[in-house]
Amino acid sequence: MKIKLGHNFEEIIGVENLLEAWQEFVRGKRAKRDVQEFSLRLMNNIFSLHQDLANHTYKHGAYQAFKINDPKPRDIHKASVRDRLLHHAVYRKLYPFFERVFIADSFSCRLGKGTHKAINRFRAFAYKVGKNNTKTCWILKCDIKKFFASIDHEILKEILAKHIADKNTLWLLDEIIDSFRSVREEVGLPLGNLTSQLLVNIYMNEFDRFVKHKLKAKFYIRYADDFILLSDDRKWLEDRVEPIKELLKNNLKLEIHENKIQIKTLSSGVDFLGWVHFPDHRVLRTKTKKRMFKRITVSSAPETMNSYLGLLKHGNTKKIVSSLGF
C-alpha cells in the first residue's frame, strides 16, 4: 500500500505557508522588476492568491518563453511571480514527503544530492563491481529523449493520486500540470518551474523502483534523464535493455535515445555527468573543458573562477588548474 501525503489543501494554501514561501522565493531576486512590483502590495497579493485558491477560482497564468545554452540549447518557460510563489508554496509541503518515497540513488534536484554526490556514488559502485579494479566493470548508459517535453499529464496525475488522497490538493496540482503543454495537449512540463523538478522525479520514481525491484539492479544511478547500471556481467546488462525500453514506453510514454545506448567497460572510459570516468581517476569531458574556458574568457570574475575551481577539485585536473594560474 502506498503511503499517503499527510498535509491537506488548507496547509498548502494557508497565508502562513505563502508568506514563508515568499521568503524563500525572493532570495536573490529582489532586484528583479516583476518581483519588486509584486512586493509593493505584498500582503494584498498574498491574500488575493489565498482567496482564489480557497474558492477554486485560481487559474495559472501564461508563460514567458526564452532560450538558454546550458550547454545545449534549452527552451525555458517562466511563469509570473504570483504563480512562481504558488509553486514554492506547493513545493514546501510536497517535497519533504516525496523525498522519503524516492530511492537513494536518484540525484537530480534533491537536497543533499547533486552531480558531485552522483559521481562519487558512481566511483563507489565501480569499486564494488570491479572488486577494487581486479574484475571488469561493465556499464550500461542511457538517456531519455526530450525528457521534460514528453511527460504525460494523465500518467503523472495517476501517480500523484496514489500518494495524495486530498481531492483539493489534486485539483491544484492538475491546474499547475495543465498550465503548460509542449508539442501537444496534455504532454510536457516547463523547465522553468520549481514544481516541475519535483514532478519529474515523482514520475521517474516509477521507473527507479522498476529497475531496483523488478530488474534487481543493485548498482543503478539516475540523474534527471541520464541513468546507468553497473555489473560485472555484460550479458546481464544487455538483457535489461529491452525491459527498460518497454517499461518506459508502455508505462510512462517515454523513449530512450537508441543511438546513445552504450555498454562499455570502465577501463575504456565512461562519460557521465561532465566527467570521463576510469578505474582509478576521472578527467573533465572535453566539451565541459571548452565551455569552461569560453566562459572564463568572457568573465573572469572571482565568483566564476571559484565556481570552476570547486568543480575541478573533483577530478584529475592539475594541468587545467595550473593553466588558470592557480
C-alpha atoms as a PDB file:
ATOM      1  CA  MET A   1       0.000   0.000   0.000  1.00  0.00           C
ATOM      2  CA  LYS A   2       1.305   3.449  -0.950  1.00  0.00           C
ATOM      3  CA  ILE A   3       1.977   5.864   1.890  1.00  0.00           C
ATOM      4  CA  LYS A   4      -0.176   8.993   1.684  1.00  0.00           C
ATOM      5  CA  LEU A   5       0.679  12.675   1.973  1.00  0.00           C
ATOM      6  CA  GLY A   6      -0.211  13.987   5.424  1.00  0.00           C
ATOM      7  CA  HIS A   7      -0.604  17.675   4.516  1.00  0.00           C
ATOM      8  CA  ASN A   8      -4.005  18.913   3.410  1.00  0.00           C
ATOM      9  CA  PHE A   9      -5.018  21.618   0.950  1.00  0.00           C
ATOM     10  CA  GLU A  10      -5.562  24.243   3.662  1.00  0.00           C
ATOM     11  CA  GLU A  11      -1.972  23.892   4.881  1.00  0.00           C
ATOM     12  CA  ILE A  12      -0.593  24.326   1.362  1.00  0.00           C
ATOM     13  CA  ILE A  13      -2.625  27.442   0.514  1.00  0.00           C
ATOM     14  CA  GLY A  14      -2.504  28.950   4.022  1.00  0.00           C
ATOM     15  CA  VAL A  15      -1.315  32.544   4.325  1.00  0.00           C
ATOM     16  CA  GLU A  16       1.483  31.454   6.671  1.00  0.00           C
ATOM     17  CA  ASN A  17       2.819  28.960   4.117  1.00  0.00           C
ATOM     18  CA  LEU A  18       2.514  31.527   1.316  1.00  0.00           C
ATOM     19  CA  LEU A  19       4.488  34.071   3.375  1.00  0.00           C
ATOM     20  CA  GLU A  20       7.221  31.544   4.158  1.00  0.00           C
ATOM     21  CA  ALA A  21       7.289  30.531   0.502  1.00  0.00           C
ATOM     22  CA  TRP A  22       7.727  34.205  -0.439  1.00  0.00           C
ATOM     23  CA  GLN A  23      10.792  34.498   1.800  1.00  0.00           C
ATOM     24  CA  GLU A  24      12.352  31.522   0.006  1.00  0.00           C
ATOM     25  CA  PHE A  25      11.310  32.623  -3.461  1.00  0.00           C
ATOM     26  CA  VAL A  26      12.566  36.207  -3.160  1.00  0.00           C
ATOM     27  CA  ARG A  27      16.177  35.299  -2.275  1.00  0.00           C
ATOM     28  CA  GLY A  28      18.466  36.640  -4.984  1.00  0.00           C
ATOM     29  CA  LYS A  29      15.532  38.133  -6.895  1.00  0.00           C
ATOM     30  CA  ARG A  30      14.815  41.391  -5.054  1.00  0.00           C
ATOM     31  CA  ALA A  31      16.346  43.479  -7.849  1.00  0.00           C
ATOM     32  CA  LYS A  32      14.012  41.974 -10.473  1.00  0.00           C
ATOM     33  CA  ARG A  33      11.350  44.420 -11.666  1.00  0.00           C
ATOM     34  CA  ASP A  34       8.441  41.956 -11.585  1.00  0.00           C
ATOM     35  CA  VAL A  35       9.390  40.862  -8.063  1.00  0.00           C
ATOM     36  CA  GLN A  36       9.591  44.490  -6.884  1.00  0.00           C
ATOM     37  CA  GLU A  37       6.174  45.249  -8.358  1.00  0.00           C
ATOM     38  CA  PHE A  38       4.622  42.236  -6.623  1.00  0.00           C
ATOM     39  CA  SER A  39       6.261  43.145  -3.309  1.00  0.00           C
ATOM     40  CA  LEU A  40       4.845  46.686  -3.355  1.00  0.00           C
ATOM     41  CA  ARG A  41       1.428  45.222  -2.491  1.00  0.00           C
ATOM     42  CA  LEU A  42       2.736  42.009  -0.995  1.00  0.00           C
ATOM     43  CA  MET A  43       0.045  41.268   1.586  1.00  0.00           C
ATOM     44  CA  ASN A  44      -2.779  42.233  -0.764  1.00  0.00           C
ATOM     45  CA  ASN A  45      -1.303  39.958  -3.421  1.00  0.00           C
ATOM     46  CA  ILE A  46      -0.866  37.069  -0.989  1.00  0.00           C
ATOM     47  CA  PHE A  47      -4.410  37.408   0.407  1.00  0.00           C
ATOM     48  CA  SER A  48      -5.766  37.591  -3.139  1.00  0.00           C
ATOM     49  CA  LEU A  49      -3.886  34.438  -4.138  1.00  0.00           C
ATOM     50  CA  HIS A  50      -5.052  32.647  -0.991  1.00  0.00           C
ATOM     51  CA  GLN A  51      -8.672  33.637  -1.667  1.00  0.00           C
ATOM     52  CA  ASP A  52      -8.568  32.466  -5.291  1.00  0.00           C
ATOM     53  CA  LEU A  53      -7.121  29.139  -4.193  1.00  0.00           C
ATOM     54  CA  ALA A  54      -9.639  28.691  -1.370  1.00  0.00           C
ATOM     55  CA  ASN A  55     -12.530  29.465  -3.747  1.00  0.00           C
ATOM     56  CA  HIS A  56     -11.111  27.287  -6.533  1.00  0.00           C
ATOM     57  CA  THR A  57     -11.129  30.304  -8.843  1.00  0.00           C
ATOM     58  CA  TYR A  58      -7.336  30.279  -9.228  1.00  0.00           C
ATOM     59  CA  LYS A  59      -6.098  29.969 -12.803  1.00  0.00           C
ATOM     60  CA  HIS A  60      -2.429  29.573 -13.637  1.00  0.00           C
ATOM     61  CA  GLY A  61      -1.194  32.316 -15.951  1.00  0.00           C
ATOM     62  CA  ALA A  62       0.723  32.170 -19.224  1.00  0.00           C
ATOM     63  CA  TYR A  63       4.466  31.617 -19.551  1.00  0.00           C
ATOM     64  CA  GLN A  64       7.229  33.800 -20.921  1.00  0.00           C
ATOM     65  CA  ALA A  65       9.398  31.688 -23.253  1.00  0.00           C
ATOM     66  CA  PHE A  66      13.121  32.154 -23.881  1.00  0.00           C
ATOM     67  CA  LYS A  67      16.158  30.051 -24.795  1.00  0.00           C
ATOM     68  CA  ILE A  68      19.392  29.319 -22.965  1.00  0.00           C
ATOM     69  CA  ASN A  69      22.515  27.299 -23.795  1.00  0.00           C
ATOM     70  CA  ASP A  70      23.339  25.071 -20.817  1.00  0.00           C
ATOM     71  CA  PRO A  71      25.362  23.713 -22.631  1.00  0.00           C
ATOM     72  CA  LYS A  72      22.937  22.631 -25.354  1.00  0.00           C
ATOM     73  CA  PRO A  73      20.012  24.878 -26.375  1.00  0.00           C
ATOM     74  CA  ARG A  74      17.052  24.611 -23.998  1.00  0.00           C
ATOM     75  CA  ASP A  75      13.598  26.182 -24.047  1.00  0.00           C
ATOM     76  CA  ILE A  76      12.780  27.806 -20.706  1.00  0.00           C
ATOM     77  CA  HIS A  77       9.265  28.889 -19.747  1.00  0.00           C
ATOM     78  CA  LYS A  78       8.967  31.411 -16.943  1.00  0.00           C
ATOM     79  CA  ALA A  79       5.723  31.860 -15.010  1.00  0.00           C
ATOM     80  CA  SER A  80       4.526  35.078 -13.359  1.00  0.00           C
ATOM     81  CA  VAL A  81       5.691  35.983  -9.841  1.00  0.00           C
ATOM     82  CA  ARG A  82       2.255  35.072  -8.488  1.00  0.00           C
ATOM     83  CA  ASP A  83       2.383  31.604  -9.998  1.00  0.00           C
ATOM     84  CA  ARG A  84       6.017  31.019  -9.035  1.00  0.00           C
ATOM     85  CA  LEU A  85       5.158  31.947  -5.459  1.00  0.00           C
ATOM     86  CA  LEU A  86       2.467  29.274  -5.517  1.00  0.00           C
ATOM     87  CA  HIS A  87       4.967  26.743  -6.902  1.00  0.00           C
ATOM     88  CA  HIS A  88       7.199  27.412  -3.891  1.00  0.00           C
ATOM     89  CA  ALA A  89       4.275  27.030  -1.505  1.00  0.00           C
ATOM     90  CA  VAL A  90       3.324  23.673  -3.057  1.00  0.00           C
ATOM     91  CA  TYR A  91       6.953  22.507  -3.166  1.00  0.00           C
ATOM     92  CA  ARG A  92       7.475  23.319   0.538  1.00  0.00           C
ATOM     93  CA  LYS A  93       4.757  20.864   1.567  1.00  0.00           C
ATOM     94  CA  LEU A  94       5.188  18.154  -1.067  1.00  0.00           C
ATOM     95  CA  TYR A  95       8.966  17.820  -1.315  1.00  0.00           C
ATOM     96  CA  PRO A  96       9.656  16.551   2.257  1.00  0.00           C
ATOM     97  CA  PHE A  97       7.021  13.841   1.801  1.00  0.00           C
ATOM     98  CA  PHE A  98       8.181  12.632  -1.606  1.00  0.00           C
ATOM     99  CA  GLU A  99      11.829  12.790  -0.539  1.00  0.00           C
ATOM    100  CA  ARG A 100      11.014   9.808   1.706  1.00  0.00           C
ATOM    101  CA  VAL A 101       9.411   7.977  -1.228  1.00  0.00           C
ATOM    102  CA  PHE A 102      12.334   8.328  -3.668  1.00  0.00           C
ATOM    103  CA  ILE A 103      15.121   5.761  -3.901  1.00  0.00           C
ATOM    104  CA  ALA A 104      18.528   6.758  -2.530  1.00  0.00           C
ATOM    105  CA  ASP A 105      20.267   6.700  -5.906  1.00  0.00           C
ATOM    106  CA  SER A 106      18.352   9.337  -7.852  1.00  0.00           C
ATOM    107  CA  PHE A 107      20.393  12.527  -7.538  1.00  0.00           C
ATOM    108  CA  SER A 108      18.795  15.338  -9.561  1.00  0.00           C
ATOM    109  CA  CYS A 109      17.070  18.303  -7.844  1.00  0.00           C
ATOM    110  CA  ARG A 110      17.208  16.809  -4.342  1.00  0.00           C
ATOM    111  CA  LEU A 111      18.603  18.342  -1.172  1.00  0.00           C
ATOM    112  CA  GLY A 112      21.921  16.804  -0.188  1.00  0.00           C
ATOM    113  CA  LYS A 113      22.332  15.155  -3.608  1.00  0.00           C
ATOM    114  CA  GLY A 114      23.530  16.732  -6.891  1.00  0.00           C
ATOM    115  CA  THR A 115      26.175  15.892  -9.505  1.00  0.00           C
ATOM    116  CA  HIS A 116      29.145  15.589  -7.133  1.00  0.00           C
ATOM    117  CA  LYS A 117      27.321  13.116  -4.904  1.00  0.00           C
ATOM    118  CA  ALA A 118      26.248  11.188  -8.007  1.00  0.00           C
ATOM    119  CA  ILE A 119      29.768  10.840  -9.421  1.00  0.00           C
ATOM    120  CA  ASN A 120      31.122   9.822  -6.009  1.00  0.00           C
ATOM    121  CA  ARG A 121      28.398   7.178  -5.785  1.00  0.00           C
ATOM    122  CA  PHE A 122      29.399   6.048  -9.276  1.00  0.00           C
ATOM    123  CA  ARG A 123      33.001   5.618  -8.123  1.00  0.00           C
ATOM    124  CA  ALA A 124      31.910   3.652  -5.042  1.00  0.00           C
ATOM    125  CA  PHE A 125      29.747   1.350  -7.192  1.00  0.00           C
ATOM    126  CA  ALA A 126      32.578   0.870  -9.704  1.00  0.00           C
ATOM    127  CA  TYR A 127      34.958  -0.222  -6.927  1.00  0.00           C
ATOM    128  CA  LYS A 128      32.401  -2.730  -5.656  1.00  0.00           C
ATOM    129  CA  VAL A 129      31.548  -4.172  -9.069  1.00  0.00           C
ATOM    130  CA  GLY A 130      35.201  -4.237 -10.170  1.00  0.00           C
ATOM    131  CA  LYS A 131      36.378  -5.714  -6.850  1.00  0.00           C
ATOM    132  CA  ASN A 132      38.841  -2.839  -6.431  1.00  0.00           C
ATOM    133  CA  ASN A 133      39.849  -2.970 -10.099  1.00  0.00           C
ATOM    134  CA  THR A 134      40.518  -6.724 -10.164  1.00  0.00           C
ATOM    135  CA  LYS A 135      37.473  -7.581 -12.342  1.00  0.00           C
ATOM    136  CA  THR A 136      35.953  -5.998 -15.440  1.00  0.00           C
ATOM    137  CA  CYS A 137      33.263  -3.433 -14.621  1.00  0.00           C
ATOM    138  CA  TRP A 138      30.645  -3.070 -17.367  1.00  0.00           C
ATOM    139  CA  ILE A 139      28.375  -0.023 -17.561  1.00  0.00           C
ATOM    140  CA  LEU A 140      25.079   0.421 -19.394  1.00  0.00           C
ATOM    141  CA  LYS A 141      24.427   4.107 -20.044  1.00  0.00           C
ATOM    142  CA  CYS A 142      21.185   5.545 -21.453  1.00  0.00           C
ATOM    143  CA  ASP A 143      19.294   8.820 -21.589  1.00  0.00           C
ATOM    144  CA  ILE A 144      15.695   9.750 -22.320  1.00  0.00           C
ATOM    145  CA  LYS A 145      14.542  11.672 -25.393  1.00  0.00           C
ATOM    146  CA  LYS A 146      13.041  15.130 -24.814  1.00  0.00           C
ATOM    147  CA  PHE A 147      12.567  14.386 -21.135  1.00  0.00           C
ATOM    148  CA  PHE A 148      10.542  17.332 -19.770  1.00  0.00           C
ATOM    149  CA  ALA A 149       8.682  17.782 -23.053  1.00  0.00           C
ATOM    150  CA  SER A 150       7.476  14.144 -23.015  1.00  0.00           C
ATOM    151  CA  ILE A 151       5.941  13.865 -19.530  1.00  0.00           C
ATOM    152  CA  ASP A 152       2.367  12.627 -19.955  1.00  0.00           C
ATOM    153  CA  HIS A 153      -0.084  14.620 -17.812  1.00  0.00           C
ATOM    154  CA  GLU A 154      -2.628  11.857 -17.254  1.00  0.00           C
ATOM    155  CA  ILE A 155       0.007   9.330 -16.184  1.00  0.00           C
ATOM    156  CA  LEU A 156       1.545  11.905 -13.841  1.00  0.00           C
ATOM    157  CA  LYS A 157      -1.850  12.647 -12.298  1.00  0.00           C
ATOM    158  CA  GLU A 158      -2.491   8.927 -11.768  1.00  0.00           C
ATOM    159  CA  ILE A 159       0.847   8.571  -9.990  1.00  0.00           C
ATOM    160  CA  LEU A 160       0.113  11.591  -7.773  1.00  0.00           C
ATOM    161  CA  ALA A 161      -3.319  10.180  -6.873  1.00  0.00           C
ATOM    162  CA  LYS A 162      -1.631   7.049  -5.496  1.00  0.00           C
ATOM    163  CA  HIS A 163       0.073   9.193  -2.862  1.00  0.00           C
ATOM    164  CA  ILE A 164      -2.353  12.092  -2.334  1.00  0.00           C
ATOM    165  CA  ALA A 165      -5.861  11.427  -1.019  1.00  0.00           C
ATOM    166  CA  ASP A 166      -6.964  15.072  -0.722  1.00  0.00           C
ATOM    167  CA  LYS A 167      -9.055  15.983  -3.788  1.00  0.00           C
ATOM    168  CA  ASN A 168      -8.448  19.716  -3.419  1.00  0.00           C
ATOM    169  CA  THR A 169      -4.675  19.218  -3.464  1.00  0.00           C
ATOM    170  CA  LEU A 170      -5.045  17.092  -6.589  1.00  0.00           C
ATOM    171  CA  TRP A 171      -7.171  19.848  -8.174  1.00  0.00           C
ATOM    172  CA  LEU A 172      -4.387  22.356  -7.529  1.00  0.00           C
ATOM    173  CA  LEU A 173      -1.709  20.059  -8.943  1.00  0.00           C
ATOM    174  CA  ASP A 174      -3.887  19.456 -12.011  1.00  0.00           C
ATOM    175  CA  GLU A 175      -4.098  23.222 -12.533  1.00  0.00           C
ATOM    176  CA  ILE A 176      -0.298  23.528 -12.382  1.00  0.00           C
ATOM    177  CA  ILE A 177       0.311  20.498 -14.619  1.00  0.00           C
ATOM    178  CA  ASP A 178      -2.254  21.557 -17.234  1.00  0.00           C
ATOM    179  CA  SER A 179      -0.921  25.127 -17.377  1.00  0.00           C
ATOM    180  CA  PHE A 180       1.662  24.015 -19.936  1.00  0.00           C
ATOM    181  CA  ARG A 181       1.947  21.796 -22.974  1.00  0.00           C
ATOM    182  CA  SER A 182       4.893  21.068 -25.248  1.00  0.00           C
ATOM    183  CA  VAL A 183       4.182  19.505 -28.639  1.00  0.00           C
ATOM    184  CA  ARG A 184       0.548  18.581 -27.960  1.00  0.00           C
ATOM    185  CA  GLU A 185      -2.193  18.781 -25.336  1.00  0.00           C
ATOM    186  CA  GLU A 186      -1.604  17.040 -22.002  1.00  0.00           C
ATOM    187  CA  VAL A 187       2.099  16.428 -22.593  1.00  0.00           C
ATOM    188  CA  GLY A 188       5.144  18.222 -21.209  1.00  0.00           C
ATOM    189  CA  LEU A 189       6.305  20.183 -18.175  1.00  0.00           C
ATOM    190  CA  PRO A 190       8.094  23.551 -18.326  1.00  0.00           C
ATOM    191  CA  LEU A 191      11.788  23.588 -17.432  1.00  0.00           C
ATOM    192  CA  GLY A 192      11.393  26.874 -15.557  1.00  0.00           C
ATOM    193  CA  ASN A 193       9.009  25.683 -12.818  1.00  0.00           C
ATOM    194  CA  LEU A 194      10.270  24.645  -9.386  1.00  0.00           C
ATOM    195  CA  THR A 195       7.375  22.194  -9.208  1.00  0.00           C
ATOM    196  CA  SER A 196       8.497  20.604 -12.500  1.00  0.00           C
ATOM    197  CA  GLN A 197      11.725  19.431 -10.867  1.00  0.00           C
ATOM    198  CA  LEU A 198       9.737  17.619  -8.202  1.00  0.00           C
ATOM    199  CA  LEU A 199       7.081  16.293 -10.576  1.00  0.00           C
ATOM    200  CA  VAL A 200       9.577  14.678 -12.967  1.00  0.00           C
ATOM    201  CA  ASN A 201      11.227  12.910 -10.024  1.00  0.00           C
ATOM    202  CA  ILE A 202       7.801  11.648  -8.893  1.00  0.00           C
ATOM    203  CA  TYR A 203       7.169  10.469 -12.466  1.00  0.00           C
ATOM    204  CA  MET A 204      10.545   8.743 -12.799  1.00  0.00           C
ATOM    205  CA  ASN A 205      10.314   7.176  -9.343  1.00  0.00           C
ATOM    206  CA  GLU A 206       8.062   4.590 -11.016  1.00  0.00           C
ATOM    207  CA  PHE A 207      10.968   3.709 -13.308  1.00  0.00           C
ATOM    208  CA  ASP A 208      13.543   3.816 -10.498  1.00  0.00           C
ATOM    209  CA  ARG A 209      11.567   1.286  -8.479  1.00  0.00           C
ATOM    210  CA  PHE A 210      11.084  -0.953 -11.512  1.00  0.00           C
ATOM    211  CA  VAL A 211      14.835  -1.018 -12.142  1.00  0.00           C
ATOM    212  CA  LYS A 212      15.651  -1.672  -8.490  1.00  0.00           C
ATOM    213  CA  HIS A 213      12.902  -4.132  -7.559  1.00  0.00           C
ATOM    214  CA  LYS A 214      11.873  -5.838 -10.819  1.00  0.00           C
ATOM    215  CA  LEU A 215      15.143  -5.856 -12.730  1.00  0.00           C
ATOM    216  CA  LYS A 216      17.091  -6.404  -9.492  1.00  0.00           C
ATOM    217  CA  ALA A 217      19.693  -3.800 -10.419  1.00  0.00           C
ATOM    218  CA  LYS A 218      21.839  -3.379  -7.335  1.00  0.00           C
ATOM    219  CA  PHE A 219      24.093  -0.753  -8.893  1.00  0.00           C
ATOM    220  CA  TYR A 220      21.909   1.897 -10.545  1.00  0.00           C
ATOM    221  CA  ILE A 221      22.163   5.698 -10.622  1.00  0.00           C
ATOM    222  CA  ARG A 222      19.817   8.232 -12.223  1.00  0.00           C
ATOM    223  CA  TYR A 223      20.380  11.948 -12.668  1.00  0.00           C
ATOM    224  CA  ALA A 224      17.325  13.519 -14.384  1.00  0.00           C
ATOM    225  CA  ASP A 225      17.145  11.847 -17.818  1.00  0.00           C
ATOM    226  CA  ASP A 226      20.566  10.127 -17.616  1.00  0.00           C
ATOM    227  CA  PHE A 227      20.890   6.739 -15.961  1.00  0.00           C
ATOM    228  CA  ILE A 228      23.464   3.978 -15.666  1.00  0.00           C
ATOM    229  CA  LEU A 229      23.588   0.374 -14.476  1.00  0.00           C
ATOM    230  CA  LEU A 230      26.844  -1.326 -13.472  1.00  0.00           C
ATOM    231  CA  SER A 231      27.621  -5.054 -13.494  1.00  0.00           C
ATOM    232  CA  ASP A 232      30.498  -7.498 -13.912  1.00  0.00           C
ATOM    233  CA  ASP A 233      28.327  -9.350 -16.469  1.00  0.00           C
ATOM    234  CA  ARG A 234      27.865  -7.737 -19.885  1.00  0.00           C
ATOM    235  CA  LYS A 235      25.107 -10.199 -20.859  1.00  0.00           C
ATOM    236  CA  TRP A 236      23.121  -9.287 -17.734  1.00  0.00           C
ATOM    237  CA  LEU A 237      23.164  -5.643 -18.825  1.00  0.00           C
ATOM    238  CA  GLU A 238      22.262  -6.499 -22.421  1.00  0.00           C
ATOM    239  CA  ASP A 239      19.248  -8.458 -21.190  1.00  0.00           C
ATOM    240  CA  ARG A 240      17.953  -5.408 -19.288  1.00  0.00           C
ATOM    241  CA  VAL A 241      17.833  -3.061 -22.283  1.00  0.00           C
ATOM    242  CA  GLU A 242      14.544  -4.313 -23.762  1.00  0.00           C
ATOM    243  CA  PRO A 243      12.638  -4.429 -20.427  1.00  0.00           C
ATOM    244  CA  ILE A 244      13.818  -0.869 -19.748  1.00  0.00           C
ATOM    245  CA  LYS A 245      12.618   0.331 -23.159  1.00  0.00           C
ATOM    246  CA  GLU A 246       9.271  -1.456 -22.760  1.00  0.00           C
ATOM    247  CA  LEU A 247       8.579  -0.094 -19.271  1.00  0.00           C
ATOM    248  CA  LEU A 248       9.405   3.452 -20.327  1.00  0.00           C
ATOM    249  CA  LYS A 249       7.272   3.222 -23.468  1.00  0.00           C
ATOM    250  CA  ASN A 250       4.273   1.315 -22.080  1.00  0.00           C
ATOM    251  CA  ASN A 251       4.017   2.767 -18.579  1.00  0.00           C
ATOM    252  CA  LEU A 252       5.463   6.283 -18.916  1.00  0.00           C
ATOM    253  CA  LYS A 253       5.292   7.029 -22.677  1.00  0.00           C
ATOM    254  CA  LEU A 254       8.999   7.847 -22.745  1.00  0.00           C
ATOM    255  CA  GLU A 255      11.746   6.719 -25.111  1.00  0.00           C
ATOM    256  CA  ILE A 256      15.481   6.361 -24.730  1.00  0.00           C
ATOM    257  CA  HIS A 257      17.877   7.554 -27.432  1.00  0.00           C
ATOM    258  CA  GLU A 258      18.525   4.392 -29.446  1.00  0.00           C
ATOM    259  CA  ASN A 259      21.824   5.708 -30.800  1.00  0.00           C
ATOM    260  CA  LYS A 260      23.046   6.668 -27.324  1.00  0.00           C
ATOM    261  CA  ILE A 261      22.639   3.277 -25.639  1.00  0.00           C
ATOM    262  CA  GLN A 262      26.155   2.295 -24.572  1.00  0.00           C
ATOM    263  CA  ILE A 263      27.604  -0.753 -22.857  1.00  0.00           C
ATOM    264  CA  LYS A 264      31.269  -0.102 -22.123  1.00  0.00           C
ATOM    265  CA  THR A 265      33.976  -1.152 -19.715  1.00  0.00           C
ATOM    266  CA  LEU A 266      35.060   1.337 -17.113  1.00  0.00           C
ATOM    267  CA  SER A 267      38.671   0.920 -18.256  1.00  0.00           C
ATOM    268  CA  SER A 268      37.702   2.283 -21.712  1.00  0.00           C
ATOM    269  CA  GLY A 269      36.337   5.481 -20.118  1.00  0.00           C
ATOM    270  CA  VAL A 270      32.683   6.223 -19.388  1.00  0.00           C
ATOM    271  CA  ASP A 271      31.276   9.708 -19.982  1.00  0.00           C
ATOM    272  CA  PHE A 272      28.837  10.548 -17.177  1.00  0.00           C
ATOM    273  CA  LEU A 273      27.753  13.929 -15.755  1.00  0.00           C
ATOM    274  CA  GLY A 274      30.513  16.018 -17.321  1.00  0.00           C
ATOM    275  CA  TRP A 275      33.397  13.669 -16.476  1.00  0.00           C
ATOM    276  CA  VAL A 276      35.028  10.718 -18.236  1.00  0.00           C
ATOM    277  CA  HIS A 277      35.468   8.022 -15.589  1.00  0.00           C
ATOM    278  CA  PHE A 278      38.253   5.437 -15.440  1.00  0.00           C
ATOM    279  CA  PRO A 279      39.025   2.792 -12.774  1.00  0.00           C
ATOM    280  CA  ASP A 280      41.428   4.983 -10.777  1.00  0.00           C
ATOM    281  CA  HIS A 281      40.670   8.539 -11.885  1.00  0.00           C
ATOM    282  CA  ARG A 282      38.304  10.822 -13.771  1.00  0.00           C
ATOM    283  CA  VAL A 283      39.024  13.602 -16.261  1.00  0.00           C
ATOM    284  CA  LEU A 284      36.906  16.522 -17.362  1.00  0.00           C
ATOM    285  CA  ARG A 285      34.893  15.906 -20.543  1.00  0.00           C
ATOM    286  CA  THR A 286      36.385  17.824 -23.500  1.00  0.00           C
ATOM    287  CA  LYS A 287      33.144  19.714 -24.162  1.00  0.00           C
ATOM    288  CA  THR A 288      32.891  20.715 -20.488  1.00  0.00           C
ATOM    289  CA  LYS A 289      36.507  21.930 -20.552  1.00  0.00           C
ATOM    290  CA  LYS A 290      35.974  24.017 -23.713  1.00  0.00           C
ATOM    291  CA  ARG A 291      32.791  25.527 -22.277  1.00  0.00           C
ATOM    292  CA  MET A 292      34.598  26.407 -19.060  1.00  0.00           C
ATOM    293  CA  PHE A 293      37.469  28.204 -20.842  1.00  0.00           C
ATOM    294  CA  LYS A 294      34.992  30.051 -23.082  1.00  0.00           C
ATOM    295  CA  ARG A 295      33.058  31.341 -20.074  1.00  0.00           C
ATOM    296  CA  ILE A 296      36.233  32.340 -18.255  1.00  0.00           C
ATOM    297  CA  THR A 297      37.316  34.294 -21.349  1.00  0.00           C
ATOM    298  CA  VAL A 298      34.021  36.203 -21.215  1.00  0.00           C
ATOM    299  CA  SER A 299      34.103  36.691 -17.442  1.00  0.00           C
ATOM    300  CA  SER A 300      36.987  36.020 -15.066  1.00  0.00           C
ATOM    301  CA  ALA A 301      35.100  37.399 -12.052  1.00  0.00           C
ATOM    302  CA  PRO A 302      36.051  35.824  -8.691  1.00  0.00           C
ATOM    303  CA  GLU A 303      32.642  34.092  -8.418  1.00  0.00           C
ATOM    304  CA  THR A 304      33.111  32.435 -11.840  1.00  0.00           C
ATOM    305  CA  MET A 305      36.656  31.309 -11.048  1.00  0.00           C
ATOM    306  CA  ASN A 306      35.713  29.971  -7.621  1.00  0.00           C
ATOM    307  CA  SER A 307      32.799  28.065  -9.131  1.00  0.00           C
ATOM    308  CA  TYR A 308      35.060  26.312 -11.630  1.00  0.00           C
ATOM    309  CA  LEU A 309      37.792  25.667  -9.065  1.00  0.00           C
ATOM    310  CA  GLY A 310      35.121  23.979  -6.944  1.00  0.00           C
ATOM    311  CA  LEU A 311      34.212  21.801  -9.937  1.00  0.00           C
ATOM    312  CA  LEU A 312      37.824  20.948 -10.816  1.00  0.00           C
ATOM    313  CA  LYS A 313      38.705  19.621  -7.369  1.00  0.00           C
ATOM    314  CA  HIS A 314      36.503  16.589  -8.047  1.00  0.00           C
ATOM    315  CA  GLY A 315      38.844  15.065 -10.653  1.00  0.00           C
ATOM    316  CA  ASN A 316      42.341  14.847 -12.089  1.00  0.00           C
ATOM    317  CA  THR A 317      42.693  18.440 -13.240  1.00  0.00           C
ATOM    318  CA  LYS A 318      46.142  19.666 -12.120  1.00  0.00           C
ATOM    319  CA  LYS A 319      47.109  20.809 -15.622  1.00  0.00           C
ATOM    320  CA  ILE A 320      43.832  22.702 -16.084  1.00  0.00           C
ATOM    321  CA  VAL A 321      44.138  24.407 -12.679  1.00  0.00           C
ATOM    322  CA  SER A 322      47.734  25.328 -13.470  1.00  0.00           C
ATOM    323  CA  SER A 323      46.709  26.799 -16.844  1.00  0.00           C
ATOM    324  CA  LEU A 324      44.259  29.021 -14.980  1.00  0.00           C
ATOM    325  CA  GLY A 325      47.136  30.439 -12.921  1.00  0.00           C
ATOM    326  CA  PHE A 326      46.490  28.600  -9.644  1.00  0.00           C
END
